[in-house]
Amino acid sequence: MQAPDTSAIQRLIGTAKRRIRAQWALEGATTASILASAAALWVIFLIRVEVVTKSTGACLLFGALAVIIAGSVLKATRRIHDERVARQIDRASNLSDRLSSAIAFSRTPPTDDGEGHALMIAAIRDGVRAVPRADVRRATPFTAPPDLRPA
């Protein structure tokens, strides 16, 4: 028996991952901006007391900007497991673990037990049928970063 197509679930998880990565990028940039602000203040102070030249100071200020970009990229490129995202969507949409079970079973090699395999196929099909009821926006809300106030 052939396993059902889970591309609808994968598309849903891909959308959720993009939303999670965007939130993480914002959080990383916000946290890094605290360090970058402190560095920029030091650079401006060093320029004012003439320890560094203005051109060197400008390069150092661009370095502070690079810290913000690096913080954003480092936070956004962390690994996200499909099953974790599927569980998050399941909880937010009251899907009773249909999506996460479908993802887990689709990655499990077929067993010799015909009945067990048939139940796995049924669970995958149930997960695919649950896709229209999934609410990705509620599962992956955009919120203000925790470090926004100090930043």
N, C-alpha and C. Protein backbone atom coordinates (compact mmCIF):
# COMPACT_ATOMS: atom_id res chain seq x y z
N MET A 1 0.84 -1.17 0.00
CA MET A 1 0.00 0.00 0.00
C MET A 1 0.89 1.24 0.00
N GLN A 2 0.64 2.15 -0.91
CA GLN A 2 1.44 3.36 -1.08
C GLN A 2 1.04 4.41 -0.04
N ALA A 3 2.04 5.08 0.53
CA ALA A 3 1.77 6.14 1.50
C ALA A 3 1.15 7.34 0.79
N PRO A 4 0.18 8.00 1.41
CA PRO A 4 -0.46 9.17 0.79
C PRO A 4 0.51 10.34 0.64
N ASP A 5 0.16 11.24 -0.24
CA ASP A 5 0.97 12.44 -0.49
C ASP A 5 0.79 13.41 0.67
N THR A 6 1.89 13.80 1.29
CA THR A 6 1.84 14.73 2.42
C THR A 6 2.29 16.13 2.02
N SER A 7 2.28 16.45 0.74
CA SER A 7 2.77 17.76 0.31
C SER A 7 1.93 18.90 0.87
N ALA A 8 0.63 18.69 1.09
CA ALA A 8 -0.20 19.75 1.67
C ALA A 8 0.26 20.06 3.10
N ILE A 9 0.59 19.02 3.84
CA ILE A 9 1.10 19.23 5.21
C ILE A 9 2.46 19.91 5.16
N GLN A 10 3.32 19.48 4.22
CA GLN A 10 4.64 20.08 4.10
C GLN A 10 4.55 21.57 3.74
N ARG A 11 3.60 21.93 2.86
CA ARG A 11 3.41 23.35 2.52
C ARG A 11 2.98 24.14 3.74
N LEU A 12 2.08 23.58 4.52
CA LEU A 12 1.60 24.22 5.73
C LEU A 12 2.75 24.43 6.72
N ILE A 13 3.56 23.40 6.89
CA ILE A 13 4.70 23.49 7.80
C ILE A 13 5.72 24.49 7.26
N GLY A 14 5.92 24.53 5.95
CA GLY A 14 6.83 25.51 5.35
C GLY A 14 6.39 26.94 5.63
N THR A 15 5.10 27.20 5.52
CA THR A 15 4.57 28.53 5.82
C THR A 15 4.81 28.88 7.29
N ALA A 16 4.54 27.93 8.16
CA ALA A 16 4.75 28.16 9.60
C ALA A 16 6.23 28.39 9.90
N LYS A 17 7.11 27.63 9.25
CA LYS A 17 8.55 27.82 9.47
C LYS A 17 9.00 29.21 9.04
N ARG A 18 8.48 29.69 7.90
CA ARG A 18 8.84 31.04 7.46
C ARG A 18 8.39 32.08 8.48
N ARG A 19 7.22 31.92 9.03
CA ARG A 19 6.72 32.85 10.05
C ARG A 19 7.58 32.78 11.32
N ILE A 20 7.95 31.58 11.72
CA ILE A 20 8.79 31.41 12.91
C ILE A 20 10.16 32.04 12.67
N ARG A 21 10.73 31.80 11.50
CA ARG A 21 12.05 32.38 11.19
C ARG A 21 11.99 33.91 11.15
N ALA A 22 10.92 34.47 10.62
CA ALA A 22 10.79 35.93 10.60
C ALA A 22 10.72 36.47 12.03
N GLN A 23 9.98 35.79 12.90
CA GLN A 23 9.90 36.22 14.30
C GLN A 23 11.27 36.10 14.96
N TRP A 24 11.96 34.99 14.72
CA TRP A 24 13.29 34.81 15.30
C TRP A 24 14.27 35.85 14.78
N ALA A 25 14.19 36.19 13.50
CA ALA A 25 15.08 37.20 12.94
C ALA A 25 14.86 38.54 13.63
N LEU A 26 13.61 38.88 13.85
CA LEU A 26 13.29 40.13 14.54
C LEU A 26 13.82 40.11 15.97
N GLU A 27 13.66 38.98 16.65
CA GLU A 27 14.18 38.86 18.02
C GLU A 27 15.70 38.95 18.05
N GLY A 28 16.36 38.29 17.10
CA GLY A 28 17.82 38.34 17.04
C GLY A 28 18.33 39.73 16.76
N ALA A 29 17.68 40.44 15.84
CA ALA A 29 18.09 41.81 15.52
C ALA A 29 17.87 42.73 16.71
N THR A 30 16.78 42.53 17.42
CA THR A 30 16.49 43.37 18.59
C THR A 30 17.52 43.16 19.68
N THR A 31 17.83 41.91 19.97
CA THR A 31 18.83 41.61 20.99
C THR A 31 20.20 42.13 20.58
N ALA A 32 20.57 41.93 19.33
CA ALA A 32 21.87 42.40 18.85
C ALA A 32 21.95 43.92 18.82
N SER A 33 20.81 44.59 18.67
CA SER A 33 20.84 46.06 18.64
C SER A 33 21.27 46.64 19.98
N ILE A 34 21.06 45.91 21.07
CA ILE A 34 21.52 46.39 22.38
C ILE A 34 23.04 46.45 22.39
N LEU A 35 23.68 45.38 21.95
CA LEU A 35 25.14 45.36 21.86
C LEU A 35 25.64 46.38 20.85
N ALA A 36 24.97 46.47 19.71
CA ALA A 36 25.39 47.41 18.67
C ALA A 36 25.26 48.85 19.14
N SER A 37 24.23 49.15 19.91
CA SER A 37 24.06 50.51 20.44
C SER A 37 25.19 50.87 21.39
N ALA A 38 25.54 49.93 22.25
CA ALA A 38 26.65 50.18 23.18
C ALA A 38 27.96 50.37 22.41
N ALA A 39 28.17 49.55 21.39
CA ALA A 39 29.39 49.68 20.58
C ALA A 39 29.40 51.01 19.84
N ALA A 40 28.26 51.42 19.30
CA ALA A 40 28.19 52.69 18.57
C ALA A 40 28.47 53.86 19.51
N LEU A 41 27.98 53.80 20.73
CA LEU A 41 28.27 54.87 21.70
C LEU A 41 29.76 54.96 21.98
N TRP A 42 30.41 53.81 22.13
CA TRP A 42 31.86 53.81 22.35
C TRP A 42 32.60 54.38 21.15
N VAL A 43 32.17 54.01 19.97
CA VAL A 43 32.83 54.52 18.75
C VAL A 43 32.67 56.04 18.67
N ILE A 44 31.48 56.53 18.94
CA ILE A 44 31.26 57.98 18.89
C ILE A 44 32.11 58.68 19.94
N PHE A 45 32.20 58.08 21.13
CA PHE A 45 33.05 58.65 22.17
C PHE A 45 34.51 58.68 21.72
N LEU A 46 34.98 57.59 21.12
CA LEU A 46 36.37 57.54 20.66
C LEU A 46 36.64 58.55 19.55
N ILE A 47 35.65 58.80 18.70
CA ILE A 47 35.81 59.82 17.66
C ILE A 47 35.88 61.20 18.31
N ARG A 48 35.01 61.45 19.29
CA ARG A 48 34.94 62.77 19.92
C ARG A 48 36.23 63.10 20.68
N VAL A 49 36.85 62.12 21.32
CA VAL A 49 38.09 62.38 22.05
C VAL A 49 39.31 62.18 21.15
N GLU A 50 39.06 61.98 19.87
CA GLU A 50 40.08 61.88 18.83
C GLU A 50 41.06 60.72 19.04
N VAL A 51 40.56 59.61 19.53
CA VAL A 51 41.37 58.40 19.64
C VAL A 51 41.41 57.69 18.29
N VAL A 52 40.28 57.74 17.57
CA VAL A 52 40.22 57.17 16.23
C VAL A 52 39.79 58.26 15.26
N THR A 53 40.19 58.10 14.01
CA THR A 53 39.80 59.09 13.00
C THR A 53 38.33 58.90 12.63
N LYS A 54 37.79 59.90 11.94
CA LYS A 54 36.38 59.82 11.55
C LYS A 54 36.14 58.68 10.57
N SER A 55 37.08 58.46 9.66
CA SER A 55 36.89 57.37 8.70
C SER A 55 36.95 56.01 9.40
N THR A 56 37.86 55.86 10.35
CA THR A 56 37.92 54.62 11.12
C THR A 56 36.65 54.45 11.94
N GLY A 57 36.19 55.54 12.52
CA GLY A 57 34.96 55.51 13.30
C GLY A 57 33.76 55.11 12.45
N ALA A 58 33.72 55.62 11.22
CA ALA A 58 32.62 55.25 10.32
C ALA A 58 32.66 53.75 10.02
N CYS A 59 33.85 53.22 9.81
CA CYS A 59 33.97 51.77 9.57
C CYS A 59 33.52 50.98 10.80
N LEU A 60 33.88 51.46 11.98
CA LEU A 60 33.46 50.78 13.21
C LEU A 60 31.94 50.87 13.40
N LEU A 61 31.34 51.98 12.99
CA LEU A 61 29.88 52.11 13.08
C LEU A 61 29.20 51.14 12.11
N PHE A 62 29.79 50.94 10.94
CA PHE A 62 29.25 49.92 10.03
C PHE A 62 29.38 48.53 10.64
N GLY A 63 30.44 48.34 11.43
CA GLY A 63 30.60 47.08 12.15
C GLY A 63 29.47 46.86 13.15
N ALA A 64 29.05 47.95 13.80
CA ALA A 64 27.92 47.85 14.73
C ALA A 64 26.65 47.45 13.99
N LEU A 65 26.47 47.99 12.79
CA LEU A 65 25.33 47.60 11.97
C LEU A 65 25.43 46.13 11.58
N ALA A 66 26.65 45.68 11.29
CA ALA A 66 26.86 44.28 10.93
C ALA A 66 26.51 43.35 12.10
N VAL A 67 26.71 43.82 13.33
CA VAL A 67 26.35 43.02 14.50
C VAL A 67 24.84 42.77 14.52
N ILE A 68 24.06 43.79 14.18
CA ILE A 68 22.60 43.64 14.15
C ILE A 68 22.20 42.62 13.07
N ILE A 69 22.79 42.75 11.91
CA ILE A 69 22.48 41.82 10.81
C ILE A 69 22.89 40.40 11.18
N ALA A 70 24.07 40.27 11.78
CA ALA A 70 24.55 38.94 12.18
C ALA A 70 23.63 38.32 13.24
N GLY A 71 23.18 39.12 14.19
CA GLY A 71 22.27 38.62 15.21
C GLY A 71 20.97 38.12 14.61
N SER A 72 20.48 38.86 13.64
CA SER A 72 19.24 38.47 12.96
C SER A 72 19.43 37.17 12.20
N VAL A 73 20.50 37.07 11.45
CA VAL A 73 20.76 35.88 10.63
C VAL A 73 21.03 34.65 11.51
N LEU A 74 21.83 34.83 12.56
CA LEU A 74 22.14 33.69 13.43
C LEU A 74 20.90 33.14 14.12
N LYS A 75 20.04 34.02 14.56
CA LYS A 75 18.83 33.56 15.25
C LYS A 75 17.86 32.90 14.26
N ALA A 76 17.75 33.46 13.06
CA ALA A 76 16.78 32.95 12.08
C ALA A 76 17.20 31.64 11.44
N THR A 77 18.47 31.30 11.46
CA THR A 77 18.93 30.10 10.77
C THR A 77 19.01 28.87 11.68
N ARG A 78 18.47 28.98 12.88
CA ARG A 78 18.45 27.81 13.76
C ARG A 78 17.56 26.73 13.15
N ARG A 79 17.85 25.50 13.51
CA ARG A 79 17.10 24.36 12.96
C ARG A 79 15.71 24.29 13.59
N ILE A 80 14.72 24.03 12.75
CA ILE A 80 13.34 23.86 13.21
C ILE A 80 12.88 22.48 12.75
N HIS A 81 12.46 21.65 13.66
CA HIS A 81 11.99 20.30 13.32
C HIS A 81 10.54 20.35 12.86
N ASP A 82 10.25 19.62 11.80
CA ASP A 82 8.90 19.60 11.24
C ASP A 82 7.86 19.12 12.24
N GLU A 83 8.20 18.10 13.01
CA GLU A 83 7.23 17.58 13.97
C GLU A 83 6.90 18.60 15.05
N ARG A 84 7.88 19.38 15.46
CA ARG A 84 7.64 20.42 16.47
C ARG A 84 6.68 21.47 15.92
N VAL A 85 6.91 21.88 14.69
CA VAL A 85 6.03 22.87 14.05
C VAL A 85 4.63 22.28 13.87
N ALA A 86 4.56 21.03 13.45
CA ALA A 86 3.25 20.38 13.27
C ALA A 86 2.50 20.29 14.60
N ARG A 87 3.21 19.99 15.69
CA ARG A 87 2.58 19.94 17.00
C ARG A 87 2.05 21.31 17.41
N GLN A 88 2.82 22.34 17.09
CA GLN A 88 2.41 23.71 17.40
C GLN A 88 1.12 24.06 16.64
N ILE A 89 1.05 23.69 15.37
CA ILE A 89 -0.15 23.93 14.57
C ILE A 89 -1.31 23.09 15.10
N ASP A 90 -1.03 21.84 15.46
CA ASP A 90 -2.06 20.96 16.03
C ASP A 90 -2.69 21.59 17.27
N ARG A 91 -1.85 22.06 18.19
CA ARG A 91 -2.37 22.64 19.43
C ARG A 91 -3.19 23.90 19.17
N ALA A 92 -2.70 24.77 18.30
CA ALA A 92 -3.39 26.03 18.03
C ALA A 92 -4.70 25.82 17.29
N SER A 93 -4.79 24.76 16.51
CA SER A 93 -5.97 24.51 15.68
C SER A 93 -6.87 23.41 16.23
N ASN A 94 -6.55 22.88 17.40
CA ASN A 94 -7.32 21.78 18.01
C ASN A 94 -7.45 20.58 17.06
N LEU A 95 -6.33 20.15 16.51
CA LEU A 95 -6.34 19.05 15.56
C LEU A 95 -5.95 17.71 16.18
N SER A 96 -5.80 17.65 17.49
CA SER A 96 -5.53 16.39 18.21
C SER A 96 -4.35 15.62 17.63
N ASP A 97 -3.26 16.28 17.39
CA ASP A 97 -2.01 15.66 16.90
C ASP A 97 -2.14 14.99 15.54
N ARG A 98 -3.07 15.40 14.74
CA ARG A 98 -3.23 14.78 13.42
C ARG A 98 -2.04 15.09 12.51
N LEU A 99 -1.61 16.35 12.47
CA LEU A 99 -0.51 16.71 11.57
C LEU A 99 0.81 16.11 12.04
N SER A 100 1.10 16.21 13.34
CA SER A 100 2.37 15.68 13.84
C SER A 100 2.43 14.16 13.70
N SER A 101 1.31 13.48 13.89
CA SER A 101 1.29 12.02 13.68
C SER A 101 1.52 11.68 12.22
N ALA A 102 0.91 12.45 11.33
CA ALA A 102 1.10 12.20 9.90
C ALA A 102 2.56 12.39 9.50
N ILE A 103 3.19 13.44 10.02
CA ILE A 103 4.61 13.68 9.71
C ILE A 103 5.47 12.54 10.27
N ALA A 104 5.22 12.15 11.51
CA ALA A 104 6.01 11.07 12.12
C ALA A 104 5.83 9.76 11.36
N PHE A 105 4.60 9.42 11.00
CA PHE A 105 4.36 8.16 10.31
C PHE A 105 4.87 8.19 8.88
N SER A 106 4.86 9.34 8.24
CA SER A 106 5.35 9.40 6.85
C SER A 106 6.86 9.20 6.79
N ARG A 107 7.54 9.41 7.90
CA ARG A 107 8.99 9.23 7.94
C ARG A 107 9.40 7.87 8.49
N THR A 108 8.43 7.11 8.93
CA THR A 108 8.70 5.78 9.48
C THR A 108 8.69 4.77 8.34
N PRO A 109 9.71 3.91 8.27
CA PRO A 109 9.70 2.90 7.21
C PRO A 109 8.53 1.93 7.40
N PRO A 110 8.00 1.40 6.31
CA PRO A 110 6.88 0.46 6.42
C PRO A 110 7.28 -0.77 7.23
N THR A 111 6.33 -1.25 8.00
CA THR A 111 6.58 -2.43 8.82
C THR A 111 6.06 -3.68 8.12
N ASP A 112 6.48 -4.84 8.61
CA ASP A 112 5.99 -6.10 8.06
C ASP A 112 4.56 -6.36 8.52
N ASP A 113 4.19 -5.74 9.61
CA ASP A 113 2.84 -5.91 10.16
C ASP A 113 1.85 -5.14 9.29
N GLY A 114 1.03 -5.84 8.54
CA GLY A 114 0.09 -5.22 7.62
C GLY A 114 -0.92 -4.32 8.31
N GLU A 115 -1.39 -4.74 9.49
CA GLU A 115 -2.38 -3.95 10.20
C GLU A 115 -1.77 -2.65 10.73
N GLY A 116 -0.56 -2.73 11.25
CA GLY A 116 0.12 -1.52 11.74
C GLY A 116 0.38 -0.54 10.62
N HIS A 117 0.78 -1.06 9.48
CA HIS A 117 1.03 -0.19 8.32
C HIS A 117 -0.26 0.46 7.84
N ALA A 118 -1.34 -0.28 7.85
CA ALA A 118 -2.64 0.27 7.43
C ALA A 118 -3.08 1.39 8.37
N LEU A 119 -2.82 1.22 9.66
CA LEU A 119 -3.16 2.27 10.62
C LEU A 119 -2.31 3.52 10.40
N MET A 120 -1.04 3.31 10.06
CA MET A 120 -0.17 4.45 9.77
C MET A 120 -0.67 5.20 8.54
N ILE A 121 -1.04 4.49 7.49
CA ILE A 121 -1.57 5.11 6.27
C ILE A 121 -2.85 5.88 6.60
N ALA A 122 -3.71 5.30 7.43
CA ALA A 122 -4.96 5.97 7.81
C ALA A 122 -4.67 7.25 8.59
N ALA A 123 -3.66 7.22 9.47
CA ALA A 123 -3.31 8.41 10.24
C ALA A 123 -2.75 9.51 9.32
N ILE A 124 -1.97 9.11 8.33
CA ILE A 124 -1.42 10.09 7.38
C ILE A 124 -2.56 10.72 6.58
N ARG A 125 -3.48 9.90 6.11
CA ARG A 125 -4.64 10.44 5.35
C ARG A 125 -5.48 11.37 6.22
N ASP A 126 -5.63 11.01 7.48
CA ASP A 126 -6.39 11.86 8.41
C ASP A 126 -5.68 13.21 8.58
N GLY A 127 -4.36 13.18 8.66
CA GLY A 127 -3.60 14.43 8.76
C GLY A 127 -3.75 15.29 7.53
N VAL A 128 -3.73 14.68 6.36
CA VAL A 128 -3.89 15.43 5.11
C VAL A 128 -5.29 16.05 5.05
N ARG A 129 -6.30 15.31 5.50
CA ARG A 129 -7.67 15.85 5.50
C ARG A 129 -7.83 16.99 6.50
N ALA A 130 -6.99 17.05 7.52
CA ALA A 130 -7.09 18.09 8.55
C ALA A 130 -6.43 19.40 8.14
N VAL A 131 -5.68 19.41 7.04
CA VAL A 131 -4.95 20.61 6.62
C VAL A 131 -5.85 21.84 6.46
N PRO A 132 -7.03 21.74 5.85
CA PRO A 132 -7.85 22.96 5.70
C PRO A 132 -8.28 23.59 7.02
N ARG A 133 -8.31 22.80 8.09
CA ARG A 133 -8.72 23.35 9.40
C ARG A 133 -7.55 23.95 10.16
N ALA A 134 -6.34 23.82 9.66
CA ALA A 134 -5.16 24.32 10.36
C ALA A 134 -5.07 25.84 10.25
N ASP A 135 -4.74 26.48 11.37
CA ASP A 135 -4.61 27.93 11.42
C ASP A 135 -3.15 28.29 11.73
N VAL A 136 -2.39 28.54 10.68
CA VAL A 136 -0.96 28.81 10.83
C VAL A 136 -0.74 30.13 11.55
N ARG A 137 -1.55 31.12 11.27
CA ARG A 137 -1.36 32.43 11.91
C ARG A 137 -1.57 32.36 13.42
N ARG A 138 -2.52 31.59 13.85
CA ARG A 138 -2.73 31.45 15.29
C ARG A 138 -1.63 30.60 15.92
N ALA A 139 -1.09 29.67 15.16
CA ALA A 139 -0.02 28.80 15.68
C ALA A 139 1.31 29.52 15.76
N THR A 140 1.52 30.50 14.87
CA THR A 140 2.80 31.21 14.83
C THR A 140 2.55 32.72 14.85
N PRO A 141 2.09 33.24 15.98
CA PRO A 141 1.77 34.68 16.02
C PRO A 141 3.04 35.53 16.05
N PHE A 142 2.94 36.70 15.46
CA PHE A 142 4.03 37.66 15.55
C PHE A 142 3.83 38.47 16.83
N THR A 143 4.87 38.50 17.66
CA THR A 143 4.80 39.23 18.93
C THR A 143 6.00 40.16 19.04
N ALA A 144 5.89 41.11 19.95
CA ALA A 144 7.01 42.01 20.20
C ALA A 144 8.15 41.21 20.81
N PRO A 145 9.38 41.44 20.35
CA PRO A 145 10.53 40.71 20.91
C PRO A 145 10.70 41.00 22.40
N PRO A 146 11.18 40.04 23.16
CA PRO A 146 11.36 40.24 24.60
C PRO A 146 12.33 41.38 24.93
N ASP A 147 13.32 41.61 24.10
CA ASP A 147 14.32 42.65 24.36
C ASP A 147 13.97 43.99 23.72
N LEU A 148 12.72 44.17 23.32
CA LEU A 148 12.35 45.41 22.64
C LEU A 148 12.45 46.61 23.57
N ARG A 149 12.03 46.48 24.81
CA ARG A 149 12.08 47.62 25.74
C ARG A 149 13.52 48.07 26.00
N PRO A 150 14.45 47.17 26.32
CA PRO A 150 15.82 47.65 26.54
C PRO A 150 16.50 48.14 25.26
N ALA A 151 16.06 47.62 24.12
CA ALA A 151 16.69 48.02 22.86
C ALA A 151 16.28 49.44 22.55
